[in-house]
């Protein structure tokens, strides 16, 4: 089961949107910054209707703009299905609606915030703008949200249910969310909270425009898993071994305790195996794996590893990249991306 990335788009804390380069420039994040917020583009260029833009919250604009930009660059391909993924959804609208309940004593509430607080708002807005009456599903599976969306898309493409599927991972930062999660013990040991919106147009058939190929996806729970055997089994299912992987791109959050199992696994890699990391650029959030996949696809597209990804080891020809994402030492996932052709 495999699919091809026809086009992709990313809005992140880095200058990644609508650019012809790959992390040639990066945004510096102050050491004392609590969160990594996305660099928002000029939304007028993607979302033409001013009234619609005004009604959209931060995360909806990020998601819709990234999705529309992805479709616009897909050489005329329109999605037969739209699958979005989010860990916590449209939190700002949810907070706004709850605040209105308190302030207005549960009377005369504005329905806009409630309507836009639902998890499937972004997928619905994209479908309305593109006028696509097709399969439209949103996965809210915490740290496995984006992975579930990609697996669903790959199954549909493999079964012939669709030819082109738009898949995206979106999450946002809010001040209330940060404070609540900090009180629960998050963000105290070096990890920074992040946000972003990454969309991919996945196709069942290859073309000259394809950026990369997704050859496999696997998810597993950290507490009950042996990382070495999980990776070996995953690569074996793709007919490969670690010797066939040219780069390991891992998602350490910066929290030493949470990253310990992943760091221990990296020590078992063959001597000299090139590695790199990506969460220092996007922060930690439940769909951060989508940024990792975006980075891996660009590595294969541009045939180089940006210094911003902190590469270690001598990088040779790049044909296969293994993305290993770990969210809070609970949800682990593997993506294998390969060069097309």
C-alpha atoms as a PDB file:
ATOM      1  CA  UNK A   1       0.000   0.000   0.000  1.00  0.00           C
ATOM      2  CA  UNK A   2       1.610   3.240  -1.126  1.00  0.00           C
ATOM      3  CA  UNK A   3       0.647   6.639  -2.479  1.00  0.00           C
ATOM      4  CA  UNK A   4       2.263   9.662  -4.081  1.00  0.00           C
ATOM      5  CA  UNK A   5       2.482  13.230  -2.807  1.00  0.00           C
ATOM      6  CA  UNK A   6       1.365  15.327  -5.772  1.00  0.00           C
ATOM      7  CA  UNK A   7       1.721  18.616  -3.908  1.00  0.00           C
ATOM      8  CA  UNK A   8       1.915  19.957  -0.358  1.00  0.00           C
ATOM      9  CA  UNK A   9       1.674  23.186   1.603  1.00  0.00           C
ATOM     10  CA  UNK A  10       2.662  24.218   5.122  1.00  0.00           C
ATOM     11  CA  UNK A  11       1.982  27.102   7.481  1.00  0.00           C
ATOM     12  CA  UNK A  12       4.297  26.782  10.458  1.00  0.00           C
ATOM     13  CA  UNK A  13       6.483  28.822  12.833  1.00  0.00           C
ATOM     14  CA  UNK A  14       8.983  28.921   9.940  1.00  0.00           C
ATOM     15  CA  UNK A  15       8.724  30.732   6.547  1.00  0.00           C
ATOM     16  CA  UNK A  16       7.383  27.618   4.819  1.00  0.00           C
ATOM     17  CA  UNK A  17       4.293  28.932   3.020  1.00  0.00           C
ATOM     18  CA  UNK A  18       4.315  29.608  -0.730  1.00  0.00           C
ATOM     19  CA  UNK A  19       8.080  29.426  -1.117  1.00  0.00           C
ATOM     20  CA  UNK A  20      10.330  27.794  -3.697  1.00  0.00           C
ATOM     21  CA  UNK A  21      13.063  26.993  -1.174  1.00  0.00           C
ATOM     22  CA  UNK A  22      13.296  24.550   1.696  1.00  0.00           C
ATOM     23  CA  UNK A  23      14.206  26.103   5.044  1.00  0.00           C
ATOM     24  CA  UNK A  24      16.827  28.341   3.454  1.00  0.00           C
ATOM     25  CA  UNK A  25      15.777  30.839   6.103  1.00  0.00           C
ATOM     26  CA  UNK A  26      14.458  30.091   9.571  1.00  0.00           C
ATOM     27  CA  UNK A  27      12.784  32.161  12.269  1.00  0.00           C
ATOM     28  CA  UNK A  28      14.691  32.481  15.506  1.00  0.00           C
ATOM     29  CA  UNK A  29      12.735  31.521  18.600  1.00  0.00           C
ATOM     30  CA  UNK A  30      13.852  33.225  21.833  1.00  0.00           C
ATOM     31  CA  UNK A  31      15.131  30.766  24.431  1.00  0.00           C
ATOM     32  CA  UNK A  32      12.566  32.020  26.950  1.00  0.00           C
ATOM     33  CA  UNK A  33       9.611  31.808  24.522  1.00  0.00           C
ATOM     34  CA  UNK A  34       6.848  29.586  25.839  1.00  0.00           C
ATOM     35  CA  UNK A  35       5.251  28.793  22.479  1.00  0.00           C
ATOM     36  CA  UNK A  36       6.141  28.640  18.809  1.00  0.00           C
ATOM     37  CA  UNK A  37       3.424  30.445  16.871  1.00  0.00           C
ATOM     38  CA  UNK A  38       2.879  30.140  13.135  1.00  0.00           C
ATOM     39  CA  UNK A  39       4.021  32.826  10.716  1.00  0.00           C
ATOM     40  CA  UNK A  40       0.733  33.735   9.105  1.00  0.00           C
ATOM     41  CA  UNK A  41       0.666  34.661   5.401  1.00  0.00           C
ATOM     42  CA  UNK A  42      -1.510  37.239   3.668  1.00  0.00           C
ATOM     43  CA  UNK A  43      -4.749  35.290   3.711  1.00  0.00           C
ATOM     44  CA  UNK A  44      -6.292  37.513   1.058  1.00  0.00           C
ATOM     45  CA  UNK A  45      -4.205  35.699  -1.533  1.00  0.00           C
ATOM     46  CA  UNK A  46      -5.875  32.358  -0.764  1.00  0.00           C
ATOM     47  CA  UNK A  47      -9.228  33.175   0.807  1.00  0.00           C
ATOM     48  CA  UNK A  48     -10.698  35.759  -1.543  1.00  0.00           C
ATOM     49  CA  UNK A  49     -14.007  36.515   0.194  1.00  0.00           C
ATOM     50  CA  UNK A  50     -13.428  39.193   2.842  1.00  0.00           C
ATOM     51  CA  UNK A  51     -16.563  38.374   4.829  1.00  0.00           C
ATOM     52  CA  UNK A  52     -15.570  34.726   5.027  1.00  0.00           C
ATOM     53  CA  UNK A  53     -12.077  35.626   6.249  1.00  0.00           C
ATOM     54  CA  UNK A  54     -13.490  37.854   9.000  1.00  0.00           C
ATOM     55  CA  UNK A  55     -15.618  35.021  10.360  1.00  0.00           C
ATOM     56  CA  UNK A  56     -12.708  32.579  10.450  1.00  0.00           C
ATOM     57  CA  UNK A  57     -10.597  32.101  13.541  1.00  0.00           C
ATOM     58  CA  UNK A  58      -6.828  31.728  13.489  1.00  0.00           C
ATOM     59  CA  UNK A  59      -6.729  27.938  13.108  1.00  0.00           C
ATOM     60  CA  UNK A  60      -9.453  27.875  10.452  1.00  0.00           C
ATOM     61  CA  UNK A  61      -7.623  30.443   8.337  1.00  0.00           C
ATOM     62  CA  UNK A  62      -4.392  28.493   8.690  1.00  0.00           C
ATOM     63  CA  UNK A  63      -6.021  25.233   7.677  1.00  0.00           C
ATOM     64  CA  UNK A  64      -8.113  26.588   4.815  1.00  0.00           C
ATOM     65  CA  UNK A  65      -5.250  28.642   3.348  1.00  0.00           C
ATOM     66  CA  UNK A  66      -2.841  25.703   3.473  1.00  0.00           C
ATOM     67  CA  UNK A  67      -5.426  23.374   1.919  1.00  0.00           C
ATOM     68  CA  UNK A  68      -6.328  25.765  -0.900  1.00  0.00           C
ATOM     69  CA  UNK A  69      -2.667  26.474  -1.643  1.00  0.00           C
ATOM     70  CA  UNK A  70      -2.008  22.736  -1.823  1.00  0.00           C
ATOM     71  CA  UNK A  71      -4.882  22.198  -4.260  1.00  0.00           C
ATOM     72  CA  UNK A  72      -3.881  25.216  -6.364  1.00  0.00           C
ATOM     73  CA  UNK A  73      -0.434  23.751  -6.977  1.00  0.00           C
ATOM     74  CA  UNK A  74      -1.622  20.222  -7.754  1.00  0.00           C
ATOM     75  CA  UNK A  75      -1.658  20.728 -11.523  1.00  0.00           C
ATOM     76  CA  UNK A  76      -5.441  20.796 -11.802  1.00  0.00           C
ATOM     77  CA  UNK A  77      -6.111  17.755  -9.601  1.00  0.00           C
ATOM     78  CA  UNK A  78      -9.174  18.153  -7.390  1.00  0.00           C
ATOM     79  CA  UNK A  79      -9.710  15.969  -4.325  1.00  0.00           C
ATOM     80  CA  UNK A  80     -12.122  13.045  -4.443  1.00  0.00           C
ATOM     81  CA  UNK A  81     -11.988  13.056  -0.643  1.00  0.00           C
ATOM     82  CA  UNK A  82     -10.965  15.508   2.076  1.00  0.00           C
ATOM     83  CA  UNK A  83      -9.505  14.105   5.294  1.00  0.00           C
ATOM     84  CA  UNK A  84      -8.371  16.424   8.071  1.00  0.00           C
ATOM     85  CA  UNK A  85      -6.700  15.630  11.375  1.00  0.00           C
ATOM     86  CA  UNK A  86      -6.457  17.622  14.571  1.00  0.00           C
ATOM     87  CA  UNK A  87      -5.550  16.840  18.129  1.00  0.00           C
ATOM     88  CA  UNK A  88      -7.578  19.511  19.900  1.00  0.00           C
ATOM     89  CA  UNK A  89      -9.573  21.220  17.148  1.00  0.00           C
ATOM     90  CA  UNK A  90     -10.668  24.849  17.008  1.00  0.00           C
ATOM     91  CA  UNK A  91      -9.832  25.728  20.589  1.00  0.00           C
ATOM     92  CA  UNK A  92     -10.050  29.511  20.310  1.00  0.00           C
ATOM     93  CA  UNK A  93     -13.657  29.314  19.090  1.00  0.00           C
ATOM     94  CA  UNK A  94     -14.491  26.785  21.809  1.00  0.00           C
ATOM     95  CA  UNK A  95     -13.037  29.078  24.464  1.00  0.00           C
ATOM     96  CA  UNK A  96     -14.915  32.038  23.024  1.00  0.00           C
ATOM     97  CA  UNK A  97     -18.229  30.195  23.070  1.00  0.00           C
ATOM     98  CA  UNK A  98     -17.751  28.986  26.645  1.00  0.00           C
ATOM     99  CA  UNK A  99     -16.856  32.513  27.725  1.00  0.00           C
ATOM    100  CA  UNK A 100     -20.058  33.815  26.120  1.00  0.00           C
ATOM    101  CA  UNK A 101     -22.084  31.252  28.053  1.00  0.00           C
ATOM    102  CA  UNK A 102     -20.689  32.623  31.306  1.00  0.00           C
ATOM    103  CA  UNK A 103     -20.913  36.311  30.385  1.00  0.00           C
ATOM    104  CA  UNK A 104     -24.422  36.125  28.889  1.00  0.00           C
ATOM    105  CA  UNK A 105     -25.830  33.810  31.544  1.00  0.00           C
ATOM    106  CA  UNK A 106     -26.551  31.190  28.863  1.00  0.00           C
ATOM    107  CA  UNK A 107     -28.801  33.604  26.921  1.00  0.00           C
ATOM    108  CA  UNK A 108     -28.567  35.323  23.509  1.00  0.00           C
ATOM    109  CA  UNK A 109     -25.487  33.392  22.462  1.00  0.00           C
ATOM    110  CA  UNK A 110     -23.816  34.045  19.124  1.00  0.00           C
ATOM    111  CA  UNK A 111     -23.957  30.726  17.217  1.00  0.00           C
ATOM    112  CA  UNK A 112     -20.900  31.477  15.059  1.00  0.00           C
ATOM    113  CA  UNK A 113     -18.357  30.523  17.705  1.00  0.00           C
ATOM    114  CA  UNK A 114     -20.252  27.327  18.481  1.00  0.00           C
ATOM    115  CA  UNK A 115     -20.521  26.333  14.823  1.00  0.00           C
ATOM    116  CA  UNK A 116     -16.842  27.026  14.211  1.00  0.00           C
ATOM    117  CA  UNK A 117     -15.734  25.237  17.379  1.00  0.00           C
ATOM    118  CA  UNK A 118     -16.475  21.796  15.919  1.00  0.00           C
ATOM    119  CA  UNK A 119     -13.530  19.664  14.848  1.00  0.00           C
ATOM    120  CA  UNK A 120     -14.679  19.230  11.240  1.00  0.00           C
ATOM    121  CA  UNK A 121     -15.026  22.968  10.541  1.00  0.00           C
ATOM    122  CA  UNK A 122     -11.843  23.180   8.459  1.00  0.00           C
ATOM    123  CA  UNK A 123     -12.708  20.203   6.278  1.00  0.00           C
ATOM    124  CA  UNK A 124     -16.196  21.566   5.756  1.00  0.00           C
ATOM    125  CA  UNK A 125     -14.964  25.054   4.818  1.00  0.00           C
ATOM    126  CA  UNK A 126     -12.499  23.607   2.298  1.00  0.00           C
ATOM    127  CA  UNK A 127     -15.250  21.504   0.712  1.00  0.00           C
ATOM    128  CA  UNK A 128     -17.599  24.489   0.470  1.00  0.00           C
ATOM    129  CA  UNK A 129     -14.968  26.706  -1.143  1.00  0.00           C
ATOM    130  CA  UNK A 130     -13.884  23.997  -3.608  1.00  0.00           C
ATOM    131  CA  UNK A 131     -17.519  22.916  -4.154  1.00  0.00           C
ATOM    132  CA  UNK A 132     -16.561  19.285  -3.566  1.00  0.00           C
ATOM    133  CA  UNK A 133     -19.404  17.029  -2.433  1.00  0.00           C
ATOM    134  CA  UNK A 134     -17.244  14.083  -1.488  1.00  0.00           C
ATOM    135  CA  UNK A 135     -16.070  11.949   1.419  1.00  0.00           C
ATOM    136  CA  UNK A 136     -15.154  14.418   4.156  1.00  0.00           C
ATOM    137  CA  UNK A 137     -13.828  13.081   7.432  1.00  0.00           C
ATOM    138  CA  UNK A 138     -11.944  14.480  10.419  1.00  0.00           C
ATOM    139  CA  UNK A 139      -9.779  12.379  12.715  1.00  0.00           C
ATOM    140  CA  UNK A 140      -9.404  13.478  16.332  1.00  0.00           C
ATOM    141  CA  UNK A 141      -7.206  10.690  17.688  1.00  0.00           C
ATOM    142  CA  UNK A 142      -4.873  12.740  19.888  1.00  0.00           C
ATOM    143  CA  UNK A 143      -1.269  11.934  18.942  1.00  0.00           C
ATOM    144  CA  UNK A 144      -2.405   9.552  16.196  1.00  0.00           C
ATOM    145  CA  UNK A 145      -4.740  11.985  14.417  1.00  0.00           C
ATOM    146  CA  UNK A 146      -2.615  12.732  11.349  1.00  0.00           C
ATOM    147  CA  UNK A 147      -1.405   9.156  11.098  1.00  0.00           C
ATOM    148  CA  UNK A 148      -5.006   7.898  11.085  1.00  0.00           C
ATOM    149  CA  UNK A 149      -5.903  10.346   8.336  1.00  0.00           C
ATOM    150  CA  UNK A 150      -2.997   9.208   6.146  1.00  0.00           C
ATOM    151  CA  UNK A 151      -3.791   5.526   6.695  1.00  0.00           C
ATOM    152  CA  UNK A 152      -7.437   6.148   5.758  1.00  0.00           C
ATOM    153  CA  UNK A 153      -6.340   7.979   2.595  1.00  0.00           C
ATOM    154  CA  UNK A 154      -3.879   5.242   1.593  1.00  0.00           C
ATOM    155  CA  UNK A 155      -6.542   2.549   2.058  1.00  0.00           C
ATOM    156  CA  UNK A 156      -9.027   4.443  -0.087  1.00  0.00           C
ATOM    157  CA  UNK A 157      -6.456   5.051  -2.809  1.00  0.00           C
ATOM    158  CA  UNK A 158      -5.411   1.393  -2.723  1.00  0.00           C
ATOM    159  CA  UNK A 159      -9.032   0.209  -2.987  1.00  0.00           C
ATOM    160  CA  UNK A 160      -9.770   2.554  -5.882  1.00  0.00           C
ATOM    161  CA  UNK A 161     -12.310   4.571  -3.902  1.00  0.00           C
ATOM    162  CA  UNK A 162     -10.539   7.799  -4.922  1.00  0.00           C
ATOM    163  CA  UNK A 163      -7.725   9.002  -7.169  1.00  0.00           C
ATOM    164  CA  UNK A 164      -6.747  12.177  -5.331  1.00  0.00           C
ATOM    165  CA  UNK A 165      -7.215  12.811  -1.608  1.00  0.00           C
ATOM    166  CA  UNK A 166      -6.481  16.014   0.295  1.00  0.00           C
ATOM    167  CA  UNK A 167      -5.030  15.194   3.732  1.00  0.00           C
ATOM    168  CA  UNK A 168      -4.000  17.692   6.390  1.00  0.00           C
ATOM    169  CA  UNK A 169      -2.936  18.042  10.012  1.00  0.00           C
ATOM    170  CA  UNK A 170      -3.874  21.209  11.916  1.00  0.00           C
ATOM    171  CA  UNK A 171      -3.530  22.418  15.503  1.00  0.00           C
ATOM    172  CA  UNK A 172      -3.287  25.823  17.164  1.00  0.00           C
ATOM    173  CA  UNK A 173      -1.842  27.462  20.267  1.00  0.00           C
ATOM    174  CA  UNK A 174      -4.042  29.402  22.673  1.00  0.00           C
ATOM    175  CA  UNK A 175      -3.021  31.032  25.940  1.00  0.00           C
ATOM    176  CA  UNK A 176      -5.682  29.151  27.911  1.00  0.00           C
ATOM    177  CA  UNK A 177      -4.567  25.835  26.438  1.00  0.00           C
ATOM    178  CA  UNK A 178      -0.961  26.554  27.327  1.00  0.00           C
ATOM    179  CA  UNK A 179      -1.786  27.444  30.949  1.00  0.00           C
ATOM    180  CA  UNK A 180      -3.984  24.387  31.449  1.00  0.00           C
ATOM    181  CA  UNK A 181      -1.450  21.990  29.933  1.00  0.00           C
ATOM    182  CA  UNK A 182       1.385  23.571  31.917  1.00  0.00           C
ATOM    183  CA  UNK A 183      -0.533  22.938  35.140  1.00  0.00           C
ATOM    184  CA  UNK A 184      -0.852  19.310  34.025  1.00  0.00           C
ATOM    185  CA  UNK A 185       2.941  19.061  33.797  1.00  0.00           C
ATOM    186  CA  UNK A 186       3.518  19.868  30.120  1.00  0.00           C
ATOM    187  CA  UNK A 187       6.160  22.324  28.839  1.00  0.00           C
ATOM    188  CA  UNK A 188       8.205  22.358  32.062  1.00  0.00           C
ATOM    189  CA  UNK A 189      11.276  20.462  30.890  1.00  0.00           C
ATOM    190  CA  UNK A 190      12.345  22.116  27.672  1.00  0.00           C
ATOM    191  CA  UNK A 191       9.598  21.341  25.163  1.00  0.00           C
ATOM    192  CA  UNK A 192       7.897  24.264  23.458  1.00  0.00           C
ATOM    193  CA  UNK A 193       4.251  24.179  22.430  1.00  0.00           C
ATOM    194  CA  UNK A 194       3.774  24.633  18.688  1.00  0.00           C
ATOM    195  CA  UNK A 195       1.154  24.921  15.985  1.00  0.00           C
ATOM    196  CA  UNK A 196       0.769  24.608  12.243  1.00  0.00           C
ATOM    197  CA  UNK A 197      -1.230  23.418   9.255  1.00  0.00           C
ATOM    198  CA  UNK A 198       0.257  21.016   6.710  1.00  0.00           C
ATOM    199  CA  UNK A 199      -1.743  19.671   3.746  1.00  0.00           C
ATOM    200  CA  UNK A 200      -0.866  17.045   1.149  1.00  0.00           C
ATOM    201  CA  UNK A 201      -2.530  16.055  -2.118  1.00  0.00           C
ATOM    202  CA  UNK A 202      -2.120  12.279  -2.216  1.00  0.00           C
ATOM    203  CA  UNK A 203      -2.586  10.366  -5.462  1.00  0.00           C
ATOM    204  CA  UNK A 204      -2.893   6.705  -6.384  1.00  0.00           C
ATOM    205  CA  UNK A 205      -0.920   7.063  -9.615  1.00  0.00           C
ATOM    206  CA  UNK A 206       2.532   8.544 -10.067  1.00  0.00           C
ATOM    207  CA  UNK A 207       3.244  11.576 -12.219  1.00  0.00           C
ATOM    208  CA  UNK A 208       6.211  13.723 -13.180  1.00  0.00           C
ATOM    209  CA  UNK A 209       5.078  16.363 -10.682  1.00  0.00           C
ATOM    210  CA  UNK A 210       5.146  14.086  -7.614  1.00  0.00           C
ATOM    211  CA  UNK A 211       7.273  15.268  -4.689  1.00  0.00           C
ATOM    212  CA  UNK A 212       7.744  11.903  -2.995  1.00  0.00           C
ATOM    213  CA  UNK A 213       6.136   8.550  -2.322  1.00  0.00           C
ATOM    214  CA  UNK A 214       4.713   7.408   1.010  1.00  0.00           C
ATOM    215  CA  UNK A 215       5.495   3.692   1.171  1.00  0.00           C
ATOM    216  CA  UNK A 216       4.227   2.888   4.635  1.00  0.00           C
ATOM    217  CA  UNK A 217       2.799   4.149   7.932  1.00  0.00           C
ATOM    218  CA  UNK A 218       2.732   2.463  11.335  1.00  0.00           C
ATOM    219  CA  UNK A 219       1.538   3.542  14.780  1.00  0.00           C
ATOM    220  CA  UNK A 220       2.268   2.027  18.175  1.00  0.00           C
ATOM    221  CA  UNK A 221       2.068   2.904  21.859  1.00  0.00           C
ATOM    222  CA  UNK A 222       5.380   3.688  23.487  1.00  0.00           C
ATOM    223  CA  UNK A 223       4.775   2.038  26.862  1.00  0.00           C
ATOM    224  CA  UNK A 224       4.108  -1.415  25.444  1.00  0.00           C
ATOM    225  CA  UNK A 225       6.598  -1.388  22.577  1.00  0.00           C
ATOM    226  CA  UNK A 226      10.160  -2.376  21.816  1.00  0.00           C
ATOM    227  CA  UNK A 227      11.320   0.395  19.498  1.00  0.00           C
ATOM    228  CA  UNK A 228      13.968  -1.732  17.794  1.00  0.00           C
ATOM    229  CA  UNK A 229      11.590  -4.552  16.912  1.00  0.00           C
ATOM    230  CA  UNK A 230       8.820  -2.130  15.872  1.00  0.00           C
ATOM    231  CA  UNK A 231      11.103  -0.365  13.401  1.00  0.00           C
ATOM    232  CA  UNK A 232      12.592  -3.597  12.080  1.00  0.00           C
ATOM    233  CA  UNK A 233       9.123  -5.092  11.612  1.00  0.00           C
ATOM    234  CA  UNK A 234       7.869  -1.961   9.873  1.00  0.00           C
ATOM    235  CA  UNK A 235      10.795  -1.833   7.466  1.00  0.00           C
ATOM    236  CA  UNK A 236      10.480  -5.578   6.820  1.00  0.00           C
ATOM    237  CA  UNK A 237       6.837  -5.062   5.837  1.00  0.00           C
ATOM    238  CA  UNK A 238       8.142  -2.642   3.211  1.00  0.00           C
ATOM    239  CA  UNK A 239      10.765  -5.166   2.061  1.00  0.00           C
ATOM    240  CA  UNK A 240      13.632  -3.158   3.584  1.00  0.00           C
ATOM    241  CA  UNK A 241      16.102  -3.041   6.443  1.00  0.00           C
ATOM    242  CA  UNK A 242      17.695  -0.109   8.237  1.00  0.00           C
ATOM    243  CA  UNK A 243      20.619  -0.363   5.819  1.00  0.00           C
ATOM    244  CA  UNK A 244      18.245   0.754   3.049  1.00  0.00           C
ATOM    245  CA  UNK A 245      17.244   3.947   4.912  1.00  0.00           C
ATOM    246  CA  UNK A 246      19.341   6.966   3.953  1.00  0.00           C
ATOM    247  CA  UNK A 247      18.147   9.323   6.711  1.00  0.00           C
ATOM    248  CA  UNK A 248      16.266   9.030  10.002  1.00  0.00           C
ATOM    249  CA  UNK A 249      14.209  12.157  10.746  1.00  0.00           C
ATOM    250  CA  UNK A 250      13.017  12.063  14.350  1.00  0.00           C
ATOM    251  CA  UNK A 251      10.641  14.173  16.419  1.00  0.00           C
ATOM    252  CA  UNK A 252      12.275  14.895  19.758  1.00  0.00           C
ATOM    253  CA  UNK A 253      10.342  17.579  21.618  1.00  0.00           C
ATOM    254  CA  UNK A 254      13.184  18.903  23.784  1.00  0.00           C
ATOM    255  CA  UNK A 255      11.786  17.349  26.969  1.00  0.00           C
ATOM    256  CA  UNK A 256      14.596  15.028  28.113  1.00  0.00           C
ATOM    257  CA  UNK A 257      12.267  12.715  30.051  1.00  0.00           C
ATOM    258  CA  UNK A 258       9.729  12.339  27.250  1.00  0.00           C
ATOM    259  CA  UNK A 259      12.442  11.937  24.595  1.00  0.00           C
ATOM    260  CA  UNK A 260      14.491   9.342  26.506  1.00  0.00           C
ATOM    261  CA  UNK A 261      13.095   6.188  24.784  1.00  0.00           C
ATOM    262  CA  UNK A 262      13.490   7.726  21.322  1.00  0.00           C
ATOM    263  CA  UNK A 263      17.029   8.877  22.079  1.00  0.00           C
ATOM    264  CA  UNK A 264      17.884   5.418  23.402  1.00  0.00           C
ATOM    265  CA  UNK A 265      16.602   3.854  20.183  1.00  0.00           C
ATOM    266  CA  UNK A 266      18.723   6.207  18.078  1.00  0.00           C
ATOM    267  CA  UNK A 267      21.813   4.894  19.878  1.00  0.00           C
ATOM    268  CA  UNK A 268      21.047   1.446  18.431  1.00  0.00           C
ATOM    269  CA  UNK A 269      21.261   2.702  14.844  1.00  0.00           C
ATOM    270  CA  UNK A 270      24.167   1.450  12.727  1.00  0.00           C
ATOM    271  CA  UNK A 271      27.319   3.530  13.149  1.00  0.00           C
ATOM    272  CA  UNK A 272      27.325   6.512  10.839  1.00  0.00           C
ATOM    273  CA  UNK A 273      23.597   6.366  10.023  1.00  0.00           C
ATOM    274  CA  UNK A 274      22.601   9.976   9.196  1.00  0.00           C
ATOM    275  CA  UNK A 275      19.947  11.486  11.464  1.00  0.00           C
ATOM    276  CA  UNK A 276      18.129  14.807  11.779  1.00  0.00           C
ATOM    277  CA  UNK A 277      15.355  16.336  13.906  1.00  0.00           C
ATOM    278  CA  UNK A 278      12.450  18.676  13.144  1.00  0.00           C
ATOM    279  CA  UNK A 279      10.464  19.733  16.236  1.00  0.00           C
ATOM    280  CA  UNK A 280      12.929  22.495  17.072  1.00  0.00           C
ATOM    281  CA  UNK A 281      11.346  24.217  14.055  1.00  0.00           C
ATOM    282  CA  UNK A 282       7.639  23.588  14.671  1.00  0.00           C
ATOM    283  CA  UNK A 283       7.268  22.877  18.377  1.00  0.00           C
ATOM    284  CA  UNK A 284       5.368  20.011  19.976  1.00  0.00           C
ATOM    285  CA  UNK A 285       1.688  19.422  19.213  1.00  0.00           C
ATOM    286  CA  UNK A 286      -0.511  16.451  18.480  1.00  0.00           C
ATOM    287  CA  UNK A 287      -0.313  16.629  14.691  1.00  0.00           C
ATOM    288  CA  UNK A 288       3.354  17.688  14.502  1.00  0.00           C
ATOM    289  CA  UNK A 289       4.056  14.510  12.509  1.00  0.00           C
ATOM    290  CA  UNK A 290       2.537  16.315   9.512  1.00  0.00           C
ATOM    291  CA  UNK A 291       5.393  18.829   9.663  1.00  0.00           C
ATOM    292  CA  UNK A 292       7.884  15.966   9.869  1.00  0.00           C
ATOM    293  CA  UNK A 293       6.405  14.379   6.742  1.00  0.00           C
ATOM    294  CA  UNK A 294       6.474  17.769   4.999  1.00  0.00           C
ATOM    295  CA  UNK A 295      10.190  18.082   5.862  1.00  0.00           C
ATOM    296  CA  UNK A 296      10.962  14.535   4.698  1.00  0.00           C
ATOM    297  CA  UNK A 297       9.191  15.079   1.379  1.00  0.00           C
ATOM    298  CA  UNK A 298      11.139  18.301   0.824  1.00  0.00           C
ATOM    299  CA  UNK A 299      14.405  16.540   1.648  1.00  0.00           C
ATOM    300  CA  UNK A 300      13.692  14.087  -1.163  1.00  0.00           C
ATOM    301  CA  UNK A 301      12.501  16.856  -3.471  1.00  0.00           C
ATOM    302  CA  UNK A 302      15.572  19.056  -3.012  1.00  0.00           C
ATOM    303  CA  UNK A 303      18.052  16.176  -2.458  1.00  0.00           C
ATOM    304  CA  UNK A 304      19.525  17.865   0.599  1.00  0.00           C
ATOM    305  CA  UNK A 305      19.097  18.177   4.352  1.00  0.00           C
ATOM    306  CA  UNK A 306      18.787  21.730   5.648  1.00  0.00           C
ATOM    307  CA  UNK A 307      21.178  22.640   8.461  1.00  0.00           C
ATOM    308  CA  UNK A 308      18.083  23.834  10.368  1.00  0.00           C
ATOM    309  CA  UNK A 309      17.183  20.143  10.787  1.00  0.00           C
ATOM    310  CA  UNK A 310      20.448  19.589  12.701  1.00  0.00           C
ATOM    311  CA  UNK A 311      21.788  16.730  10.587  1.00  0.00           C
ATOM    312  CA  UNK A 312      24.296  14.365  12.174  1.00  0.00           C
ATOM    313  CA  UNK A 313      26.484  12.051  10.094  1.00  0.00           C
ATOM    314  CA  UNK A 314      27.573  12.041   6.486  1.00  0.00           C
ATOM    315  CA  UNK A 315      24.522  12.324   4.252  1.00  0.00           C
ATOM    316  CA  UNK A 316      24.847  10.542   0.915  1.00  0.00           C
ATOM    317  CA  UNK A 317      22.330  10.073  -1.911  1.00  0.00           C
ATOM    318  CA  UNK A 318      18.825  10.468  -0.537  1.00  0.00           C
ATOM    319  CA  UNK A 319      16.332   7.851  -1.686  1.00  0.00           C
ATOM    320  CA  UNK A 320      14.510   6.869   1.516  1.00  0.00           C
ATOM    321  CA  UNK A 321      13.710   8.836   4.678  1.00  0.00           C
ATOM    322  CA  UNK A 322      12.270   7.269   7.826  1.00  0.00           C
ATOM    323  CA  UNK A 323      10.230   9.688   9.949  1.00  0.00           C
ATOM    324  CA  UNK A 324       9.908   8.653  13.611  1.00  0.00           C
ATOM    325  CA  UNK A 325       7.454  10.797  15.559  1.00  0.00           C
ATOM    326  CA  UNK A 326       6.881  10.516  19.291  1.00  0.00           C
ATOM    327  CA  UNK A 327       4.220  12.513  21.117  1.00  0.00           C
ATOM    328  CA  UNK A 328       4.730  12.811  24.880  1.00  0.00           C
ATOM    329  CA  UNK A 329       6.282   9.340  25.035  1.00  0.00           C
ATOM    330  CA  UNK A 330       2.835   7.863  24.369  1.00  0.00           C
ATOM    331  CA  UNK A 331       1.947   7.910  20.694  1.00  0.00           C
ATOM    332  CA  UNK A 332       4.697   6.785  18.312  1.00  0.00           C
ATOM    333  CA  UNK A 333       4.492   6.624  14.532  1.00  0.00           C
ATOM    334  CA  UNK A 334       6.672   5.698  11.587  1.00  0.00           C
ATOM    335  CA  UNK A 335       6.469   7.034   8.032  1.00  0.00           C
ATOM    336  CA  UNK A 336       8.605   5.756   5.193  1.00  0.00           C
ATOM    337  CA  UNK A 337       9.022   8.209   2.333  1.00  0.00           C
ATOM    338  CA  UNK A 338      10.843   7.324  -0.876  1.00  0.00           C
ATOM    339  CA  UNK A 339      12.084   9.219  -3.872  1.00  0.00           C
ATOM    340  CA  UNK A 340       9.843   8.888  -6.915  1.00  0.00           C
ATOM    341  CA  UNK A 341      11.382   7.339 -10.007  1.00  0.00           C
END
